[in-house]
Amino acid sequence: MKLLFPASVRLAIPYPRQLLVALMAAVLCALASPQPTWAAINPNQASAAELETIRGIGPSMSARIIAERQKNGPFKSPQDFARRVPGVGPKKLKSFQEAGLQIPVAKIPEPSRPK
């Protein structure tokens, strides 16, 4: 087998196997993370199964969220969500948001300006 580089040219990686093992371990840790950063769940549209993917939301909490949403309409803000769903306070709301729960904020229409 013929080398593409002269024998005097070598890569400056002292321990290539250890580097490869460390990189693979980092990738596996990122994939096994309990809080995926790419999952965004909107409680105004999510099913019970989707809500339960959020850390801290179980079957009873997802049932309360869906019941409140069906009874009084969509949540208008994170504060509205915390106020309307029993058992959700500021701390729990923050942990839900860090785990991927995204509550859209309702846009307030601009007042009409006189001509």
C-alpha atoms as a PDB file:
ATOM      1  CA  MET A   1       0.000   0.000   0.000  1.00  0.00           C
ATOM      2  CA  LYS A   2       1.410   3.357  -0.998  1.00  0.00           C
ATOM      3  CA  LEU A   3       1.195   6.272   1.442  1.00  0.00           C
ATOM      4  CA  LEU A   4      -0.227   9.527   0.182  1.00  0.00           C
ATOM      5  CA  PHE A   5       1.991  11.500   2.555  1.00  0.00           C
ATOM      6  CA  PRO A   6       5.685  11.052   3.089  1.00  0.00           C
ATOM      7  CA  ALA A   7       6.586   9.030   6.190  1.00  0.00           C
ATOM      8  CA  SER A   8       7.948  12.175   7.854  1.00  0.00           C
ATOM      9  CA  VAL A   9       4.512  13.840   7.816  1.00  0.00           C
ATOM     10  CA  ARG A  10       2.319  12.564  10.640  1.00  0.00           C
ATOM     11  CA  LEU A  11      -0.839  13.820  12.249  1.00  0.00           C
ATOM     12  CA  ALA A  12      -0.302  15.748  15.452  1.00  0.00           C
ATOM     13  CA  ILE A  13      -2.779  13.631  17.440  1.00  0.00           C
ATOM     14  CA  PRO A  14      -0.851  11.835  20.174  1.00  0.00           C
ATOM     15  CA  TYR A  15      -3.640   9.388  21.113  1.00  0.00           C
ATOM     16  CA  PRO A  16      -6.094   9.023  18.207  1.00  0.00           C
ATOM     17  CA  ARG A  17      -7.969   6.076  19.738  1.00  0.00           C
ATOM     18  CA  GLN A  18      -8.628   7.899  23.022  1.00  0.00           C
ATOM     19  CA  LEU A  19      -9.802  10.956  21.088  1.00  0.00           C
ATOM     20  CA  LEU A  20     -12.217   8.831  19.082  1.00  0.00           C
ATOM     21  CA  VAL A  21     -13.577   7.187  22.243  1.00  0.00           C
ATOM     22  CA  ALA A  22     -14.040  10.580  23.921  1.00  0.00           C
ATOM     23  CA  LEU A  23     -15.873  11.984  20.879  1.00  0.00           C
ATOM     24  CA  MET A  24     -18.173   8.969  20.697  1.00  0.00           C
ATOM     25  CA  ALA A  25     -18.923   9.244  24.420  1.00  0.00           C
ATOM     26  CA  ALA A  26     -19.804  12.940  24.009  1.00  0.00           C
ATOM     27  CA  VAL A  27     -22.161  12.167  21.112  1.00  0.00           C
ATOM     28  CA  LEU A  28     -23.871   9.374  23.045  1.00  0.00           C
ATOM     29  CA  CYS A  29     -24.321  11.618  26.088  1.00  0.00           C
ATOM     30  CA  ALA A  30     -25.867  14.318  23.921  1.00  0.00           C
ATOM     31  CA  LEU A  31     -28.265  11.834  22.335  1.00  0.00           C
ATOM     32  CA  ALA A  32     -29.262  10.331  25.680  1.00  0.00           C
ATOM     33  CA  SER A  33     -29.998  13.685  27.290  1.00  0.00           C
ATOM     34  CA  PRO A  34     -33.326  13.602  29.187  1.00  0.00           C
ATOM     35  CA  GLN A  35     -34.146  17.148  28.044  1.00  0.00           C
ATOM     36  CA  PRO A  36     -33.967  17.344  24.275  1.00  0.00           C
ATOM     37  CA  THR A  37     -33.504  20.889  23.088  1.00  0.00           C
ATOM     38  CA  TRP A  38     -35.269  20.286  19.785  1.00  0.00           C
ATOM     39  CA  ALA A  39     -38.663  19.267  21.217  1.00  0.00           C
ATOM     40  CA  ALA A  40     -41.101  22.137  21.577  1.00  0.00           C
ATOM     41  CA  ILE A  41     -44.563  21.222  22.830  1.00  0.00           C
ATOM     42  CA  ASN A  42     -47.448  23.691  22.541  1.00  0.00           C
ATOM     43  CA  PRO A  43     -50.069  22.908  25.234  1.00  0.00           C
ATOM     44  CA  ASN A  44     -52.761  24.505  23.064  1.00  0.00           C
ATOM     45  CA  GLN A  45     -52.407  21.764  20.435  1.00  0.00           C
ATOM     46  CA  ALA A  46     -50.620  18.821  22.094  1.00  0.00           C
ATOM     47  CA  SER A  47     -52.194  15.456  22.838  1.00  0.00           C
ATOM     48  CA  ALA A  48     -51.903  13.792  26.240  1.00  0.00           C
ATOM     49  CA  ALA A  49     -49.054  11.592  24.982  1.00  0.00           C
ATOM     50  CA  GLU A  50     -47.149  14.624  23.675  1.00  0.00           C
ATOM     51  CA  LEU A  51     -47.639  16.521  26.936  1.00  0.00           C
ATOM     52  CA  GLU A  52     -46.341  13.542  28.900  1.00  0.00           C
ATOM     53  CA  THR A  53     -43.007  13.746  27.073  1.00  0.00           C
ATOM     54  CA  ILE A  54     -42.341  16.892  29.122  1.00  0.00           C
ATOM     55  CA  ARG A  55     -40.432  16.099  32.283  1.00  0.00           C
ATOM     56  CA  GLY A  56     -42.779  16.516  35.261  1.00  0.00           C
ATOM     57  CA  ILE A  57     -46.021  16.084  33.335  1.00  0.00           C
ATOM     58  CA  GLY A  58     -47.697  12.758  33.985  1.00  0.00           C
ATOM     59  CA  PRO A  59     -51.102  11.353  33.024  1.00  0.00           C
ATOM     60  CA  SER A  60     -53.038  13.335  35.643  1.00  0.00           C
ATOM     61  CA  MET A  61     -51.332  16.657  34.843  1.00  0.00           C
ATOM     62  CA  SER A  62     -51.830  16.171  31.097  1.00  0.00           C
ATOM     63  CA  ALA A  63     -55.520  15.401  31.741  1.00  0.00           C
ATOM     64  CA  ARG A  64     -55.871  18.636  33.761  1.00  0.00           C
ATOM     65  CA  ILE A  65     -54.167  20.657  31.004  1.00  0.00           C
ATOM     66  CA  ILE A  66     -56.403  19.218  28.288  1.00  0.00           C
ATOM     67  CA  ALA A  67     -59.574  19.611  30.386  1.00  0.00           C
ATOM     68  CA  GLU A  68     -58.779  23.275  31.084  1.00  0.00           C
ATOM     69  CA  ARG A  69     -57.960  23.905  27.423  1.00  0.00           C
ATOM     70  CA  GLN A  70     -61.249  22.339  26.285  1.00  0.00           C
ATOM     71  CA  LYS A  71     -63.302  24.142  28.931  1.00  0.00           C
ATOM     72  CA  ASN A  72     -61.906  27.693  28.629  1.00  0.00           C
ATOM     73  CA  GLY A  73     -60.046  27.802  25.311  1.00  0.00           C
ATOM     74  CA  PRO A  74     -56.361  28.129  24.474  1.00  0.00           C
ATOM     75  CA  PHE A  75     -53.773  29.452  26.905  1.00  0.00           C
ATOM     76  CA  LYS A  76     -52.814  33.032  26.085  1.00  0.00           C
ATOM     77  CA  SER A  77     -49.499  33.238  27.953  1.00  0.00           C
ATOM     78  CA  PRO A  78     -47.319  31.284  30.377  1.00  0.00           C
ATOM     79  CA  GLN A  79     -48.881  33.208  33.266  1.00  0.00           C
ATOM     80  CA  ASP A  80     -52.366  32.320  32.023  1.00  0.00           C
ATOM     81  CA  PHE A  81     -51.319  28.656  31.866  1.00  0.00           C
ATOM     82  CA  ALA A  82     -49.987  28.709  35.456  1.00  0.00           C
ATOM     83  CA  ARG A  83     -53.111  30.495  36.718  1.00  0.00           C
ATOM     84  CA  ARG A  84     -55.606  28.159  35.047  1.00  0.00           C
ATOM     85  CA  VAL A  85     -54.010  24.721  35.482  1.00  0.00           C
ATOM     86  CA  PRO A  86     -54.314  23.396  39.057  1.00  0.00           C
ATOM     87  CA  GLY A  87     -50.979  22.362  40.542  1.00  0.00           C
ATOM     88  CA  VAL A  88     -48.822  24.580  38.331  1.00  0.00           C
ATOM     89  CA  GLY A  89     -47.016  27.418  40.033  1.00  0.00           C
ATOM     90  CA  PRO A  90     -44.112  29.632  38.940  1.00  0.00           C
ATOM     91  CA  LYS A  91     -41.420  27.046  39.747  1.00  0.00           C
ATOM     92  CA  LYS A  92     -43.188  24.192  38.002  1.00  0.00           C
ATOM     93  CA  LEU A  93     -43.960  26.420  35.016  1.00  0.00           C
ATOM     94  CA  LYS A  94     -40.280  27.303  34.720  1.00  0.00           C
ATOM     95  CA  SER A  95     -39.227  23.639  34.831  1.00  0.00           C
ATOM     96  CA  PHE A  96     -41.849  22.755  32.184  1.00  0.00           C
ATOM     97  CA  GLN A  97     -40.549  25.526  29.935  1.00  0.00           C
ATOM     98  CA  GLU A  98     -36.952  24.364  30.396  1.00  0.00           C
ATOM     99  CA  ALA A  99     -38.070  20.849  29.413  1.00  0.00           C
ATOM    100  CA  GLY A 100     -39.642  22.088  26.152  1.00  0.00           C
ATOM    101  CA  LEU A 101     -43.137  23.388  26.908  1.00  0.00           C
ATOM    102  CA  GLN A 102     -43.714  26.510  24.808  1.00  0.00           C
ATOM    103  CA  ILE A 103     -46.823  28.551  25.400  1.00  0.00           C
ATOM    104  CA  PRO A 104     -47.377  31.116  22.647  1.00  0.00           C
ATOM    105  CA  VAL A 105     -48.131  34.637  23.773  1.00  0.00           C
ATOM    106  CA  ALA A 106     -51.327  36.071  22.296  1.00  0.00           C
ATOM    107  CA  LYS A 107     -50.709  39.164  20.226  1.00  0.00           C
ATOM    108  CA  ILE A 108     -52.539  42.250  21.381  1.00  0.00           C
ATOM    109  CA  PRO A 109     -54.014  44.158  18.447  1.00  0.00           C
ATOM    110  CA  GLU A 110     -52.693  47.652  17.954  1.00  0.00           C
ATOM    111  CA  PRO A 111     -55.187  50.410  18.704  1.00  0.00           C
ATOM    112  CA  SER A 112     -56.592  52.189  15.685  1.00  0.00           C
ATOM    113  CA  ARG A 113     -55.138  55.604  15.072  1.00  0.00           C
ATOM    114  CA  PRO A 114     -57.287  58.562  14.108  1.00  0.00           C
ATOM    115  CA  LYS A 115     -56.820  59.823  10.575  1.00  0.00           C
END
